mmCIF file of all heavy atoms, coordinates in Angstrom:
data_MODEL
# 
_entry.id   MODEL 
# 
loop_
_atom_site.group_PDB 
_atom_site.id 
_atom_site.type_symbol 
_atom_site.label_atom_id 
_atom_site.label_alt_id 
_atom_site.label_comp_id 
_atom_site.label_asym_id 
_atom_site.label_entity_id 
_atom_site.label_seq_id 
_atom_site.pdbx_PDB_ins_code 
_atom_site.Cartn_x 
_atom_site.Cartn_y 
_atom_site.Cartn_z 
_atom_site.occupancy 
_atom_site.B_iso_or_equiv 
_atom_site.pdbx_formal_charge 
_atom_site.auth_seq_id 
_atom_site.auth_comp_id 
_atom_site.auth_asym_id 
_atom_site.auth_atom_id 
_atom_site.pdbx_PDB_model_num 
ATOM 1   N N   . TYR A 1 1  ? 0.849  -1.168 0.059  1.00 0.00 ? 1  TYR A N   1 
ATOM 2   C CA  . TYR A 1 1  ? -0.020 -0.038 0.009  1.00 0.00 ? 1  TYR A CA  1 
ATOM 3   C C   . TYR A 1 1  ? 0.839  1.183  -0.036 1.00 0.00 ? 1  TYR A C   1 
ATOM 4   O O   . TYR A 1 1  ? 1.897  1.452  0.771  1.00 0.00 ? 1  TYR A O   1 
ATOM 5   C CB  . TYR A 1 1  ? -0.887 0.052  1.196  1.00 0.00 ? 1  TYR A CB  1 
ATOM 6   C CG  . TYR A 1 1  ? -1.966 -1.077 1.143  1.00 0.00 ? 1  TYR A CG  1 
ATOM 7   C CD1 . TYR A 1 1  ? -1.741 -2.256 1.882  1.00 0.00 ? 1  TYR A CD1 1 
ATOM 8   C CD2 . TYR A 1 1  ? -3.055 -1.099 0.445  1.00 0.00 ? 1  TYR A CD2 1 
ATOM 9   C CE1 . TYR A 1 1  ? -2.653 -3.330 1.839  1.00 0.00 ? 1  TYR A CE1 1 
ATOM 10  C CE2 . TYR A 1 1  ? -3.887 -2.009 0.381  1.00 0.00 ? 1  TYR A CE2 1 
ATOM 11  C CZ  . TYR A 1 1  ? -3.815 -3.198 1.117  1.00 0.00 ? 1  TYR A CZ  1 
ATOM 12  O OH  . TYR A 1 1  ? -4.800 -4.325 1.147  1.00 0.00 ? 1  TYR A OH  1 
ATOM 13  N N   . HIS A 1 2  ? 0.491  2.202  -0.822 1.00 0.00 ? 2  HIS A N   1 
ATOM 14  C CA  . HIS A 1 2  ? 1.473  3.251  -1.104 1.00 0.00 ? 2  HIS A CA  1 
ATOM 15  C C   . HIS A 1 2  ? 1.679  4.169  0.135  1.00 0.00 ? 2  HIS A C   1 
ATOM 16  O O   . HIS A 1 2  ? 2.773  4.819  0.088  1.00 0.00 ? 2  HIS A O   1 
ATOM 17  C CB  . HIS A 1 2  ? 0.915  4.164  -2.279 1.00 0.00 ? 2  HIS A CB  1 
ATOM 18  C CG  . HIS A 1 2  ? -0.187 5.002  -1.892 1.00 0.00 ? 2  HIS A CG  1 
ATOM 19  N ND1 . HIS A 1 2  ? -1.514 4.407  -2.103 1.00 0.00 ? 2  HIS A ND1 1 
ATOM 20  C CD2 . HIS A 1 2  ? -0.415 6.361  -1.664 1.00 0.00 ? 2  HIS A CD2 1 
ATOM 21  C CE1 . HIS A 1 2  ? -2.444 5.488  -1.778 1.00 0.00 ? 2  HIS A CE1 1 
ATOM 22  N NE2 . HIS A 1 2  ? -1.838 6.529  -1.488 1.00 0.00 ? 2  HIS A NE2 1 
ATOM 23  N N   . TRP A 1 3  ? 0.807  4.297  1.166  1.00 0.00 ? 3  TRP A N   1 
ATOM 24  C CA  . TRP A 1 3  ? 1.129  5.138  2.223  1.00 0.00 ? 3  TRP A CA  1 
ATOM 25  C C   . TRP A 1 3  ? 2.156  4.542  3.140  1.00 0.00 ? 3  TRP A C   1 
ATOM 26  O O   . TRP A 1 3  ? 2.686  5.276  4.049  1.00 0.00 ? 3  TRP A O   1 
ATOM 27  C CB  . TRP A 1 3  ? -0.164 5.384  3.089  1.00 0.00 ? 3  TRP A CB  1 
ATOM 28  C CG  . TRP A 1 3  ? -0.924 4.373  3.487  1.00 0.00 ? 3  TRP A CG  1 
ATOM 29  C CD1 . TRP A 1 3  ? -0.801 3.514  4.628  1.00 0.00 ? 3  TRP A CD1 1 
ATOM 30  C CD2 . TRP A 1 3  ? -2.043 3.615  2.641  1.00 0.00 ? 3  TRP A CD2 1 
ATOM 31  N NE1 . TRP A 1 3  ? -1.757 2.484  4.611  1.00 0.00 ? 3  TRP A NE1 1 
ATOM 32  C CE2 . TRP A 1 3  ? -2.473 2.511  3.388  1.00 0.00 ? 3  TRP A CE2 1 
ATOM 33  C CE3 . TRP A 1 3  ? -2.650 4.026  1.449  1.00 0.00 ? 3  TRP A CE3 1 
ATOM 34  C CZ2 . TRP A 1 3  ? -3.574 1.735  2.959  1.00 0.00 ? 3  TRP A CZ2 1 
ATOM 35  C CZ3 . TRP A 1 3  ? -3.627 3.107  1.019  1.00 0.00 ? 3  TRP A CZ3 1 
ATOM 36  C CH2 . TRP A 1 3  ? -4.121 2.018  1.702  1.00 0.00 ? 3  TRP A CH2 1 
ATOM 37  N N   . TYR A 1 4  ? 2.570  3.344  3.027  1.00 0.00 ? 4  TYR A N   1 
ATOM 38  C CA  . TYR A 1 4  ? 3.720  2.675  3.748  1.00 0.00 ? 4  TYR A CA  1 
ATOM 39  C C   . TYR A 1 4  ? 5.007  3.255  3.515  1.00 0.00 ? 4  TYR A C   1 
ATOM 40  O O   . TYR A 1 4  ? 6.042  3.035  4.224  1.00 0.00 ? 4  TYR A O   1 
ATOM 41  C CB  . TYR A 1 4  ? 3.710  1.215  3.626  1.00 0.00 ? 4  TYR A CB  1 
ATOM 42  C CG  . TYR A 1 4  ? 2.566  0.467  4.146  1.00 0.00 ? 4  TYR A CG  1 
ATOM 43  C CD1 . TYR A 1 4  ? 2.215  -0.824 3.654  1.00 0.00 ? 4  TYR A CD1 1 
ATOM 44  C CD2 . TYR A 1 4  ? 1.731  1.001  5.184  1.00 0.00 ? 4  TYR A CD2 1 
ATOM 45  C CE1 . TYR A 1 4  ? 0.940  -1.353 4.223  1.00 0.00 ? 4  TYR A CE1 1 
ATOM 46  C CE2 . TYR A 1 4  ? 0.642  0.324  5.719  1.00 0.00 ? 4  TYR A CE2 1 
ATOM 47  C CZ  . TYR A 1 4  ? 0.283  -0.930 5.227  1.00 0.00 ? 4  TYR A CZ  1 
ATOM 48  O OH  . TYR A 1 4  ? -0.913 -1.567 5.689  1.00 0.00 ? 4  TYR A OH  1 
ATOM 49  N N   . TYR A 1 5  ? 5.266  3.911  2.260  1.00 0.00 ? 5  TYR A N   1 
ATOM 50  C CA  . TYR A 1 5  ? 6.585  4.223  1.872  1.00 0.00 ? 5  TYR A CA  1 
ATOM 51  C C   . TYR A 1 5  ? 6.780  5.764  2.382  1.00 0.00 ? 5  TYR A C   1 
ATOM 52  O O   . TYR A 1 5  ? 7.941  6.226  1.922  1.00 0.00 ? 5  TYR A O   1 
ATOM 53  C CB  . TYR A 1 5  ? 6.615  4.189  0.356  1.00 0.00 ? 5  TYR A CB  1 
ATOM 54  C CG  . TYR A 1 5  ? 6.358  2.756  -0.150 1.00 0.00 ? 5  TYR A CG  1 
ATOM 55  C CD1 . TYR A 1 5  ? 5.049  2.339  -0.439 1.00 0.00 ? 5  TYR A CD1 1 
ATOM 56  C CD2 . TYR A 1 5  ? 7.519  1.907  -0.261 1.00 0.00 ? 5  TYR A CD2 1 
ATOM 57  C CE1 . TYR A 1 5  ? 4.876  0.946  -0.911 1.00 0.00 ? 5  TYR A CE1 1 
ATOM 58  C CE2 . TYR A 1 5  ? 7.248  0.544  -0.626 1.00 0.00 ? 5  TYR A CE2 1 
ATOM 59  C CZ  . TYR A 1 5  ? 5.929  0.104  -0.956 1.00 0.00 ? 5  TYR A CZ  1 
ATOM 60  O OH  . TYR A 1 5  ? 5.786  -1.137 -1.283 1.00 0.00 ? 5  TYR A OH  1 
ATOM 61  N N   . ALA A 1 6  ? 6.039  6.398  3.182  1.00 0.00 ? 6  ALA A N   1 
ATOM 62  C CA  . ALA A 1 6  ? 6.280  7.806  3.551  1.00 0.00 ? 6  ALA A CA  1 
ATOM 63  C C   . ALA A 1 6  ? 7.781  7.946  4.104  1.00 0.00 ? 6  ALA A C   1 
ATOM 64  O O   . ALA A 1 6  ? 8.277  8.988  3.797  1.00 0.00 ? 6  ALA A O   1 
ATOM 65  C CB  . ALA A 1 6  ? 5.206  8.190  4.495  1.00 0.00 ? 6  ALA A CB  1 
ATOM 66  N N   . PRO A 1 7  ? 8.216  6.982  5.039  1.00 0.00 ? 7  PRO A N   1 
ATOM 67  C CA  . PRO A 1 7  ? 9.400  7.283  5.608  1.00 0.00 ? 7  PRO A CA  1 
ATOM 68  C C   . PRO A 1 7  ? 10.557 7.492  4.570  1.00 0.00 ? 7  PRO A C   1 
ATOM 69  O O   . PRO A 1 7  ? 11.536 8.344  4.637  1.00 0.00 ? 7  PRO A O   1 
ATOM 70  C CB  . PRO A 1 7  ? 9.711  6.201  6.601  1.00 0.00 ? 7  PRO A CB  1 
ATOM 71  C CG  . PRO A 1 7  ? 8.358  5.649  6.869  1.00 0.00 ? 7  PRO A CG  1 
ATOM 72  C CD  . PRO A 1 7  ? 7.622  5.840  5.704  1.00 0.00 ? 7  PRO A CD  1 
ATOM 73  N N   . TYR A 1 8  ? 10.447 6.629  3.521  1.00 0.00 ? 8  TYR A N   1 
ATOM 74  C CA  . TYR A 1 8  ? 11.583 6.631  2.436  1.00 0.00 ? 8  TYR A CA  1 
ATOM 75  C C   . TYR A 1 8  ? 11.426 8.002  1.777  1.00 0.00 ? 8  TYR A C   1 
ATOM 76  O O   . TYR A 1 8  ? 12.470 8.563  1.425  1.00 0.00 ? 8  TYR A O   1 
ATOM 77  C CB  . TYR A 1 8  ? 11.429 5.609  1.498  1.00 0.00 ? 8  TYR A CB  1 
ATOM 78  C CG  . TYR A 1 8  ? 11.262 4.220  2.191  1.00 0.00 ? 8  TYR A CG  1 
ATOM 79  C CD1 . TYR A 1 8  ? 10.091 3.495  2.346  1.00 0.00 ? 8  TYR A CD1 1 
ATOM 80  C CD2 . TYR A 1 8  ? 12.400 3.594  2.616  1.00 0.00 ? 8  TYR A CD2 1 
ATOM 81  C CE1 . TYR A 1 8  ? 9.947  2.228  2.855  1.00 0.00 ? 8  TYR A CE1 1 
ATOM 82  C CE2 . TYR A 1 8  ? 12.369 2.287  3.255  1.00 0.00 ? 8  TYR A CE2 1 
ATOM 83  C CZ  . TYR A 1 8  ? 11.205 1.689  3.248  1.00 0.00 ? 8  TYR A CZ  1 
ATOM 84  O OH  . TYR A 1 8  ? 11.146 0.509  3.857  1.00 0.00 ? 8  TYR A OH  1 
ATOM 85  N N   . PHE A 1 9  ? 10.285 8.421  1.364  1.00 0.00 ? 9  PHE A N   1 
ATOM 86  C CA  . PHE A 1 9  ? 10.256 9.693  0.624  1.00 0.00 ? 9  PHE A CA  1 
ATOM 87  C C   . PHE A 1 9  ? 10.602 11.056 1.475  1.00 0.00 ? 9  PHE A C   1 
ATOM 88  O O   . PHE A 1 9  ? 11.177 11.858 1.043  1.00 0.00 ? 9  PHE A O   1 
ATOM 89  C CB  . PHE A 1 9  ? 8.711  9.775  0.166  1.00 0.00 ? 9  PHE A CB  1 
ATOM 90  C CG  . PHE A 1 9  ? 8.560  9.040  -1.192 1.00 0.00 ? 9  PHE A CG  1 
ATOM 91  C CD1 . PHE A 1 9  ? 7.572  7.975  -1.047 1.00 0.00 ? 9  PHE A CD1 1 
ATOM 92  C CD2 . PHE A 1 9  ? 9.259  9.242  -2.252 1.00 0.00 ? 9  PHE A CD2 1 
ATOM 93  C CE1 . PHE A 1 9  ? 7.251  7.118  -2.092 1.00 0.00 ? 9  PHE A CE1 1 
ATOM 94  C CE2 . PHE A 1 9  ? 8.891  8.479  -3.475 1.00 0.00 ? 9  PHE A CE2 1 
ATOM 95  C CZ  . PHE A 1 9  ? 8.085  7.451  -3.396 1.00 0.00 ? 9  PHE A CZ  1 
ATOM 96  N N   . ILE A 1 10 ? 10.166 10.930 2.751  1.00 0.00 ? 10 ILE A N   1 
ATOM 97  C CA  . ILE A 1 10 ? 10.469 12.144 3.548  1.00 0.00 ? 10 ILE A CA  1 
ATOM 98  C C   . ILE A 1 10 ? 12.045 12.320 3.647  1.00 0.00 ? 10 ILE A C   1 
ATOM 99  O O   . ILE A 1 10 ? 12.709 13.344 3.483  1.00 0.00 ? 10 ILE A O   1 
ATOM 100 C CB  . ILE A 1 10 ? 9.832  12.227 4.928  1.00 0.00 ? 10 ILE A CB  1 
ATOM 101 C CG1 . ILE A 1 10 ? 10.080 13.511 5.626  1.00 0.00 ? 10 ILE A CG1 1 
ATOM 102 C CG2 . ILE A 1 10 ? 10.106 11.027 5.774  1.00 0.00 ? 10 ILE A CG2 1 
ATOM 103 C CD1 . ILE A 1 10 ? 9.442  14.765 4.797  1.00 0.00 ? 10 ILE A CD1 1 
ATOM 104 N N   . PHE A 1 11 ? 12.689 11.128 3.952  1.00 0.00 ? 11 PHE A N   1 
ATOM 105 C CA  . PHE A 1 11 ? 14.189 11.187 4.193  1.00 0.00 ? 11 PHE A CA  1 
ATOM 106 C C   . PHE A 1 11 ? 14.788 11.389 2.742  1.00 0.00 ? 11 PHE A C   1 
ATOM 107 O O   . PHE A 1 11 ? 15.893 11.976 2.607  1.00 0.00 ? 11 PHE A O   1 
ATOM 108 C CB  . PHE A 1 11 ? 14.703 9.923  4.732  1.00 0.00 ? 11 PHE A CB  1 
ATOM 109 C CG  . PHE A 1 11 ? 14.341 9.718  6.279  1.00 0.00 ? 11 PHE A CG  1 
ATOM 110 C CD1 . PHE A 1 11 ? 13.531 8.943  6.738  1.00 0.00 ? 11 PHE A CD1 1 
ATOM 111 C CD2 . PHE A 1 11 ? 14.856 10.775 7.121  1.00 0.00 ? 11 PHE A CD2 1 
ATOM 112 C CE1 . PHE A 1 11 ? 13.185 8.852  8.156  1.00 0.00 ? 11 PHE A CE1 1 
ATOM 113 C CE2 . PHE A 1 11 ? 14.535 10.684 8.511  1.00 0.00 ? 11 PHE A CE2 1 
ATOM 114 C CZ  . PHE A 1 11 ? 13.650 9.780  8.992  1.00 0.00 ? 11 PHE A CZ  1 
ATOM 115 N N   . ALA A 1 12 ? 14.128 10.892 1.760  1.00 0.00 ? 12 ALA A N   1 
ATOM 116 C CA  . ALA A 1 12 ? 14.795 11.102 0.289  1.00 0.00 ? 12 ALA A CA  1 
ATOM 117 C C   . ALA A 1 12 ? 14.877 12.645 0.107  1.00 0.00 ? 12 ALA A C   1 
ATOM 118 O O   . ALA A 1 12 ? 15.824 13.136 -0.539 1.00 0.00 ? 12 ALA A O   1 
ATOM 119 C CB  . ALA A 1 12 ? 13.959 10.407 -0.716 1.00 0.00 ? 12 ALA A CB  1 
ATOM 120 N N   . ILE A 1 13 ? 13.763 13.323 0.358  1.00 0.00 ? 13 ILE A N   1 
ATOM 121 C CA  . ILE A 1 13 ? 13.753 14.814 0.256  1.00 0.00 ? 13 ILE A CA  1 
ATOM 122 C C   . ILE A 1 13 ? 14.837 15.509 1.110  1.00 0.00 ? 13 ILE A C   1 
ATOM 123 O O   . ILE A 1 13 ? 15.421 16.436 0.682  1.00 0.00 ? 13 ILE A O   1 
ATOM 124 C CB  . ILE A 1 13 ? 12.329 15.471 0.505  1.00 0.00 ? 13 ILE A CB  1 
ATOM 125 C CG1 . ILE A 1 13 ? 11.355 14.754 -0.574 1.00 0.00 ? 13 ILE A CG1 1 
ATOM 126 C CG2 . ILE A 1 13 ? 12.429 16.986 0.167  1.00 0.00 ? 13 ILE A CG2 1 
ATOM 127 C CD1 . ILE A 1 13 ? 11.701 14.814 -1.891 1.00 0.00 ? 13 ILE A CD1 1 
ATOM 128 N N   . VAL A 1 14 ? 15.002 15.005 2.265  1.00 0.00 ? 14 VAL A N   1 
ATOM 129 C CA  . VAL A 1 14 ? 16.070 15.472 3.155  1.00 0.00 ? 14 VAL A CA  1 
ATOM 130 C C   . VAL A 1 14 ? 17.475 15.342 2.444  1.00 0.00 ? 14 VAL A C   1 
ATOM 131 O O   . VAL A 1 14 ? 18.194 16.394 2.397  1.00 0.00 ? 14 VAL A O   1 
ATOM 132 C CB  . VAL A 1 14 ? 16.069 14.649 4.489  1.00 0.00 ? 14 VAL A CB  1 
ATOM 133 C CG1 . VAL A 1 14 ? 17.538 15.046 5.284  1.00 0.00 ? 14 VAL A CG1 1 
ATOM 134 C CG2 . VAL A 1 14 ? 15.043 15.030 5.450  1.00 0.00 ? 14 VAL A CG2 1 
ATOM 135 N N   . TYR A 1 15 ? 17.744 14.213 1.868  1.00 0.00 ? 15 TYR A N   1 
ATOM 136 C CA  . TYR A 1 15 ? 19.010 14.062 1.411  1.00 0.00 ? 15 TYR A CA  1 
ATOM 137 C C   . TYR A 1 15 ? 19.113 14.710 -0.174 1.00 0.00 ? 15 TYR A C   1 
ATOM 138 O O   . TYR A 1 15 ? 20.268 14.985 -0.596 1.00 0.00 ? 15 TYR A O   1 
ATOM 139 C CB  . TYR A 1 15 ? 19.442 12.538 1.318  1.00 0.00 ? 15 TYR A CB  1 
ATOM 140 C CG  . TYR A 1 15 ? 19.648 12.081 2.716  1.00 0.00 ? 15 TYR A CG  1 
ATOM 141 C CD1 . TYR A 1 15 ? 18.730 11.049 3.249  1.00 0.00 ? 15 TYR A CD1 1 
ATOM 142 C CD2 . TYR A 1 15 ? 20.512 12.561 3.495  1.00 0.00 ? 15 TYR A CD2 1 
ATOM 143 C CE1 . TYR A 1 15 ? 18.905 10.538 4.617  1.00 0.00 ? 15 TYR A CE1 1 
ATOM 144 C CE2 . TYR A 1 15 ? 20.772 12.084 4.806  1.00 0.00 ? 15 TYR A CE2 1 
ATOM 145 C CZ  . TYR A 1 15 ? 19.944 11.120 5.376  1.00 0.00 ? 15 TYR A CZ  1 
ATOM 146 O OH  . TYR A 1 15 ? 20.094 10.728 6.568  1.00 0.00 ? 15 TYR A OH  1 
ATOM 147 N N   . CYS A 1 16 ? 18.026 14.866 -0.693 1.00 0.00 ? 16 CYS A N   1 
ATOM 148 C CA  . CYS A 1 16 ? 17.931 15.509 -2.067 1.00 0.00 ? 16 CYS A CA  1 
ATOM 149 C C   . CYS A 1 16 ? 18.347 17.071 -1.767 1.00 0.00 ? 16 CYS A C   1 
ATOM 150 O O   . CYS A 1 16 ? 19.118 17.570 -2.407 1.00 0.00 ? 16 CYS A O   1 
ATOM 151 C CB  . CYS A 1 16 ? 16.503 15.464 -2.618 1.00 0.00 ? 16 CYS A CB  1 
ATOM 152 S SG  . CYS A 1 16 ? 16.244 16.512 -4.008 1.00 0.00 ? 16 CYS A SG  1 
ATOM 153 N N   . THR A 1 17 ? 17.875 17.599 -0.701 1.00 0.00 ? 17 THR A N   1 
ATOM 154 C CA  . THR A 1 17 ? 18.075 18.867 -0.398 1.00 0.00 ? 17 THR A CA  1 
ATOM 155 C C   . THR A 1 17 ? 19.604 19.001 0.025  1.00 0.00 ? 17 THR A C   1 
ATOM 156 O O   . THR A 1 17 ? 20.308 20.005 -0.350 1.00 0.00 ? 17 THR A O   1 
ATOM 157 C CB  . THR A 1 17 ? 17.275 19.418 0.814  1.00 0.00 ? 17 THR A CB  1 
ATOM 158 O OG1 . THR A 1 17 ? 15.941 19.250 0.472  1.00 0.00 ? 17 THR A OG1 1 
ATOM 159 C CG2 . THR A 1 17 ? 17.439 20.940 1.069  1.00 0.00 ? 17 THR A CG2 1 
ATOM 160 N N   . GLN A 1 18 ? 20.039 18.049 0.745  1.00 0.00 ? 18 GLN A N   1 
ATOM 161 C CA  . GLN A 1 18 ? 21.532 18.073 1.176  1.00 0.00 ? 18 GLN A CA  1 
ATOM 162 C C   . GLN A 1 18 ? 22.355 18.024 -0.163 1.00 0.00 ? 18 GLN A C   1 
ATOM 163 O O   . GLN A 1 18 ? 23.350 18.622 -0.246 1.00 0.00 ? 18 GLN A O   1 
ATOM 164 C CB  . GLN A 1 18 ? 21.759 16.817 2.020  1.00 0.00 ? 18 GLN A CB  1 
ATOM 165 C CG  . GLN A 1 18 ? 21.262 16.913 3.394  1.00 0.00 ? 18 GLN A CG  1 
ATOM 166 C CD  . GLN A 1 18 ? 21.926 17.931 4.307  1.00 0.00 ? 18 GLN A CD  1 
ATOM 167 O OE1 . GLN A 1 18 ? 22.777 18.667 3.906  1.00 0.00 ? 18 GLN A OE1 1 
ATOM 168 N NE2 . GLN A 1 18 ? 21.747 17.752 5.670  1.00 0.00 ? 18 GLN A NE2 1 
ATOM 169 N N   . GLY A 1 19 ? 21.910 17.205 -1.172 1.00 0.00 ? 19 GLY A N   1 
ATOM 170 C CA  . GLY A 1 19 ? 22.539 17.123 -2.456 1.00 0.00 ? 19 GLY A CA  1 
ATOM 171 C C   . GLY A 1 19 ? 22.606 18.523 -3.144 1.00 0.00 ? 19 GLY A C   1 
ATOM 172 O O   . GLY A 1 19 ? 23.724 18.824 -3.687 1.00 0.00 ? 19 GLY A O   1 
ATOM 173 N N   . ILE A 1 20 ? 21.528 19.157 -3.243 1.00 0.00 ? 20 ILE A N   1 
ATOM 174 C CA  . ILE A 1 20 ? 21.469 20.495 -3.833 1.00 0.00 ? 20 ILE A CA  1 
ATOM 175 C C   . ILE A 1 20 ? 22.555 21.421 -3.057 1.00 0.00 ? 20 ILE A C   1 
ATOM 176 O O   . ILE A 1 20 ? 23.241 22.254 -3.735 1.00 0.00 ? 20 ILE A O   1 
ATOM 177 C CB  . ILE A 1 20 ? 20.174 21.152 -3.711 1.00 0.00 ? 20 ILE A CB  1 
ATOM 178 C CG1 . ILE A 1 20 ? 19.281 20.286 -4.662 1.00 0.00 ? 20 ILE A CG1 1 
ATOM 179 C CG2 . ILE A 1 20 ? 20.091 22.514 -4.197 1.00 0.00 ? 20 ILE A CG2 1 
ATOM 180 C CD1 . ILE A 1 20 ? 17.770 20.540 -4.607 1.00 0.00 ? 20 ILE A CD1 1 
ATOM 181 N N   . LEU A 1 21 ? 22.499 21.410 -1.665 1.00 0.00 ? 21 LEU A N   1 
ATOM 182 C CA  . LEU A 1 21 ? 23.387 22.367 -0.941 1.00 0.00 ? 21 LEU A CA  1 
ATOM 183 C C   . LEU A 1 21 ? 24.857 21.880 -1.194 1.00 0.00 ? 21 LEU A C   1 
ATOM 184 O O   . LEU A 1 21 ? 25.781 22.739 -1.172 1.00 0.00 ? 21 LEU A O   1 
ATOM 185 C CB  . LEU A 1 21 ? 23.041 22.173 0.514  1.00 0.00 ? 21 LEU A CB  1 
ATOM 186 C CG  . LEU A 1 21 ? 21.637 22.546 0.892  1.00 0.00 ? 21 LEU A CG  1 
ATOM 187 C CD1 . LEU A 1 21 ? 21.417 22.327 2.423  1.00 0.00 ? 21 LEU A CD1 1 
ATOM 188 C CD2 . LEU A 1 21 ? 21.528 24.113 0.617  1.00 0.00 ? 21 LEU A CD2 1 
ATOM 189 N N   . LEU A 1 22 ? 25.079 20.701 -1.414 1.00 0.00 ? 22 LEU A N   1 
ATOM 190 C CA  . LEU A 1 22 ? 26.549 20.084 -1.696 1.00 0.00 ? 22 LEU A CA  1 
ATOM 191 C C   . LEU A 1 22 ? 27.055 20.795 -3.014 1.00 0.00 ? 22 LEU A C   1 
ATOM 192 O O   . LEU A 1 22 ? 28.203 21.336 -3.247 1.00 0.00 ? 22 LEU A O   1 
ATOM 193 C CB  . LEU A 1 22 ? 26.523 18.632 -1.753 1.00 0.00 ? 22 LEU A CB  1 
ATOM 194 C CG  . LEU A 1 22 ? 27.913 17.971 -2.226 1.00 0.00 ? 22 LEU A CG  1 
ATOM 195 C CD1 . LEU A 1 22 ? 28.946 18.286 -1.140 1.00 0.00 ? 22 LEU A CD1 1 
ATOM 196 C CD2 . LEU A 1 22 ? 27.675 16.496 -2.405 1.00 0.00 ? 22 LEU A CD2 1 
ATOM 197 N N   . ILE A 1 23 ? 26.021 20.707 -4.040 1.00 0.00 ? 23 ILE A N   1 
ATOM 198 C CA  . ILE A 1 23 ? 26.323 21.339 -5.355 1.00 0.00 ? 23 ILE A CA  1 
ATOM 199 C C   . ILE A 1 23 ? 26.720 22.724 -5.255 1.00 0.00 ? 23 ILE A C   1 
ATOM 200 O O   . ILE A 1 23 ? 27.634 23.334 -5.782 1.00 0.00 ? 23 ILE A O   1 
ATOM 201 C CB  . ILE A 1 23 ? 25.235 20.955 -6.336 1.00 0.00 ? 23 ILE A CB  1 
ATOM 202 C CG1 . ILE A 1 23 ? 25.193 19.561 -6.647 1.00 0.00 ? 23 ILE A CG1 1 
ATOM 203 C CG2 . ILE A 1 23 ? 25.378 21.885 -7.601 1.00 0.00 ? 23 ILE A CG2 1 
ATOM 204 C CD1 . ILE A 1 23 ? 23.998 19.186 -7.482 1.00 0.00 ? 23 ILE A CD1 1 
ATOM 205 N N   . ALA A 1 24 ? 25.867 23.451 -4.382 1.00 0.00 ? 24 ALA A N   1 
ATOM 206 C CA  . ALA A 1 24 ? 26.071 24.932 -4.135 1.00 0.00 ? 24 ALA A CA  1 
ATOM 207 C C   . ALA A 1 24 ? 27.575 25.202 -3.472 1.00 0.00 ? 24 ALA A C   1 
ATOM 208 O O   . ALA A 1 24 ? 28.159 26.158 -3.905 1.00 0.00 ? 24 ALA A O   1 
ATOM 209 C CB  . ALA A 1 24 ? 24.870 25.491 -3.195 1.00 0.00 ? 24 ALA A CB  1 
ATOM 210 N N   . ASP A 1 25 ? 27.766 24.222 -2.553 1.00 0.00 ? 25 ASP A N   1 
ATOM 211 C CA  . ASP A 1 25 ? 29.068 24.329 -1.840 1.00 0.00 ? 25 ASP A CA  1 
ATOM 212 C C   . ASP A 1 25 ? 30.280 24.242 -2.752 1.00 0.00 ? 25 ASP A C   1 
ATOM 213 O O   . ASP A 1 25 ? 31.254 24.966 -2.865 1.00 0.00 ? 25 ASP A O   1 
ATOM 214 C CB  . ASP A 1 25 ? 29.251 23.455 -0.703 1.00 0.00 ? 25 ASP A CB  1 
ATOM 215 C CG  . ASP A 1 25 ? 28.248 23.719 0.459  1.00 0.00 ? 25 ASP A CG  1 
ATOM 216 O OD1 . ASP A 1 25 ? 27.799 24.931 0.546  1.00 0.00 ? 25 ASP A OD1 1 
ATOM 217 O OD2 . ASP A 1 25 ? 27.992 22.934 1.306  1.00 0.00 ? 25 ASP A OD2 1 
ATOM 218 N N   . ILE A 1 26 ? 30.112 23.215 -3.622 1.00 0.00 ? 26 ILE A N   1 
ATOM 219 C CA  . ILE A 1 26 ? 31.266 22.822 -4.562 1.00 0.00 ? 26 ILE A CA  1 
ATOM 220 C C   . ILE A 1 26 ? 31.364 23.938 -5.738 1.00 0.00 ? 26 ILE A C   1 
ATOM 221 O O   . ILE A 1 26 ? 32.542 24.439 -5.896 1.00 0.00 ? 26 ILE A O   1 
ATOM 222 C CB  . ILE A 1 26 ? 30.844 21.533 -5.224 1.00 0.00 ? 26 ILE A CB  1 
ATOM 223 C CG1 . ILE A 1 26 ? 31.041 20.300 -4.213 1.00 0.00 ? 26 ILE A CG1 1 
ATOM 224 C CG2 . ILE A 1 26 ? 31.865 21.292 -6.553 1.00 0.00 ? 26 ILE A CG2 1 
ATOM 225 C CD1 . ILE A 1 26 ? 30.544 18.994 -4.795 1.00 0.00 ? 26 ILE A CD1 1 
# 
C-alpha cells in the first residue's frame, strides 16, 4: 500500500536537499 512508503520519501527529500546544498558548496 502506497502510504507505507512515507519514511523513504521524507528522508529522500532530506538528502535531495543536502545534495543540492552540496552542489552549491562545490
